């Protein structure tokens, strides 16, 4: 089972979500923690939360994930997460949460 990704408000209420039942993201995420510290911190077995201040760097790193997406399913998933990240960046009190197994 893959990650679930949610855009949440300050109360933890889900505003938008997507699942990764095929476990596509784990294969797409870069494993170089020095070059991609934000993405390397996503825990596939626990929860990882990013806030608005972190979204600029997250989105710059996310470009590598977008470049690696080949299949239609990968591109759709990457696009949905990017859309949620942009929304998180552009508004206060929003959080992008990766929920692991």
Protein backbone atom coordinates (compact mmCIF):
# COMPACT_ATOMS: atom_id res chain seq x y z
CA UNK A 1 0.00 0.00 0.00
CA UNK A 2 1.31 3.44 -0.93
CA UNK A 3 1.09 6.87 0.56
CA UNK A 4 -2.03 8.93 0.98
CA UNK A 5 -1.53 12.66 0.43
CA UNK A 6 -3.82 15.28 1.92
CA UNK A 7 -4.14 19.03 1.92
CA UNK A 8 -5.32 19.86 5.43
CA UNK A 9 -6.36 22.98 7.28
CA UNK A 10 -5.15 24.00 10.74
CA UNK A 11 -7.75 21.75 12.38
CA UNK A 12 -6.51 18.73 10.46
CA UNK A 13 -9.60 18.65 8.26
CA UNK A 14 -9.01 17.24 4.81
CA UNK A 15 -9.59 19.75 2.03
CA UNK A 16 -8.30 17.59 -0.80
CA UNK A 17 -6.70 14.17 -0.97
CA UNK A 18 -5.32 11.53 -3.26
CA UNK A 19 -4.07 8.03 -2.73
CA UNK A 20 -1.16 6.18 -4.20
CA UNK A 21 -2.38 2.58 -4.03
CA UNK A 22 0.12 1.54 -6.71
CA UNK A 23 3.04 2.93 -4.66
CA UNK A 24 4.21 5.07 -7.57
CA UNK A 25 5.64 7.97 -5.58
CA UNK A 26 8.18 5.93 -3.67
CA UNK A 27 9.75 4.89 -6.98
CA UNK A 28 9.71 8.48 -8.26
CA UNK A 29 11.12 10.21 -5.19
CA UNK A 30 14.86 11.01 -5.43
CA UNK A 31 16.97 9.31 -2.77
CA UNK A 32 19.71 11.98 -2.57
CA UNK A 33 19.07 13.60 0.82
CA UNK A 34 21.70 16.28 0.24
CA UNK A 35 20.20 17.47 -3.05
CA UNK A 36 16.54 16.84 -2.11
CA UNK A 37 16.21 17.26 1.68
CA UNK A 38 12.46 17.90 1.61
CA UNK A 39 11.57 14.90 -0.53
CA UNK A 40 14.07 12.65 1.22
CA UNK A 41 12.28 13.36 4.51
CA UNK A 42 9.01 11.79 3.33
CA UNK A 43 8.52 8.74 5.53
CA UNK A 44 6.80 5.89 3.63
CA UNK A 45 5.80 4.25 6.94
CA UNK A 46 4.82 7.30 9.00
CA UNK A 47 3.36 10.74 8.54
CA UNK A 48 5.24 13.71 7.09
CA UNK A 49 3.77 17.22 7.21
CA UNK A 50 4.92 20.28 5.26
CA UNK A 51 3.77 23.85 5.87
CA UNK A 52 3.44 26.93 3.68
CA UNK A 53 6.95 28.18 4.38
CA UNK A 54 8.42 24.87 3.17
CA UNK A 55 6.44 24.79 -0.06
CA UNK A 56 8.84 26.92 -2.12
CA UNK A 57 11.68 24.46 -1.64
CA UNK A 58 9.31 21.48 -1.83
CA UNK A 59 8.03 22.63 -5.23
CA UNK A 60 11.56 23.21 -6.56
CA UNK A 61 12.47 19.68 -5.54
CA UNK A 62 9.16 18.35 -6.88
CA UNK A 63 10.31 19.32 -10.39
CA UNK A 64 12.64 16.27 -10.25
CA UNK A 65 9.68 14.02 -9.46
CA UNK A 66 7.71 15.57 -12.33
CA UNK A 67 10.61 14.98 -14.70
CA UNK A 68 10.74 11.29 -13.72
CA UNK A 69 7.01 10.66 -14.20
CA UNK A 70 6.58 8.58 -17.34
CA UNK A 71 3.25 6.79 -17.26
CA UNK A 72 -0.12 8.51 -17.37
CA UNK A 73 -0.86 7.36 -13.81
CA UNK A 74 2.43 8.81 -12.58
CA UNK A 75 1.87 12.14 -14.32
CA UNK A 76 -1.67 12.42 -12.94
CA UNK A 77 -0.56 11.67 -9.38
CA UNK A 78 2.41 14.05 -9.57
CA UNK A 79 0.14 16.78 -10.96
CA UNK A 80 -2.43 16.36 -8.17
CA UNK A 81 0.26 16.58 -5.49
CA UNK A 82 1.78 19.62 -7.18
CA UNK A 83 -1.62 21.31 -7.27
CA UNK A 84 -2.11 20.68 -3.55
CA UNK A 85 1.42 21.98 -2.84
CA UNK A 86 0.73 25.20 -4.76
CA UNK A 87 -2.52 25.66 -2.85
CA UNK A 88 -0.63 25.09 0.43
CA UNK A 89 2.03 27.64 -0.59
CA UNK A 90 -0.50 30.28 -1.53
CA UNK A 91 -2.68 30.23 1.59
CA UNK A 92 -2.03 30.38 5.32
CA UNK A 93 -2.93 27.61 7.77
CA UNK A 94 -2.71 24.84 5.19
CA UNK A 95 -0.54 21.75 5.38
CA UNK A 96 0.50 19.10 2.89
CA UNK A 97 0.53 15.75 4.67
CA UNK A 98 1.96 12.47 3.40
CA UNK A 99 0.44 9.57 5.31
CA UNK A 100 2.44 6.33 5.23
CA UNK A 101 1.45 2.77 5.99
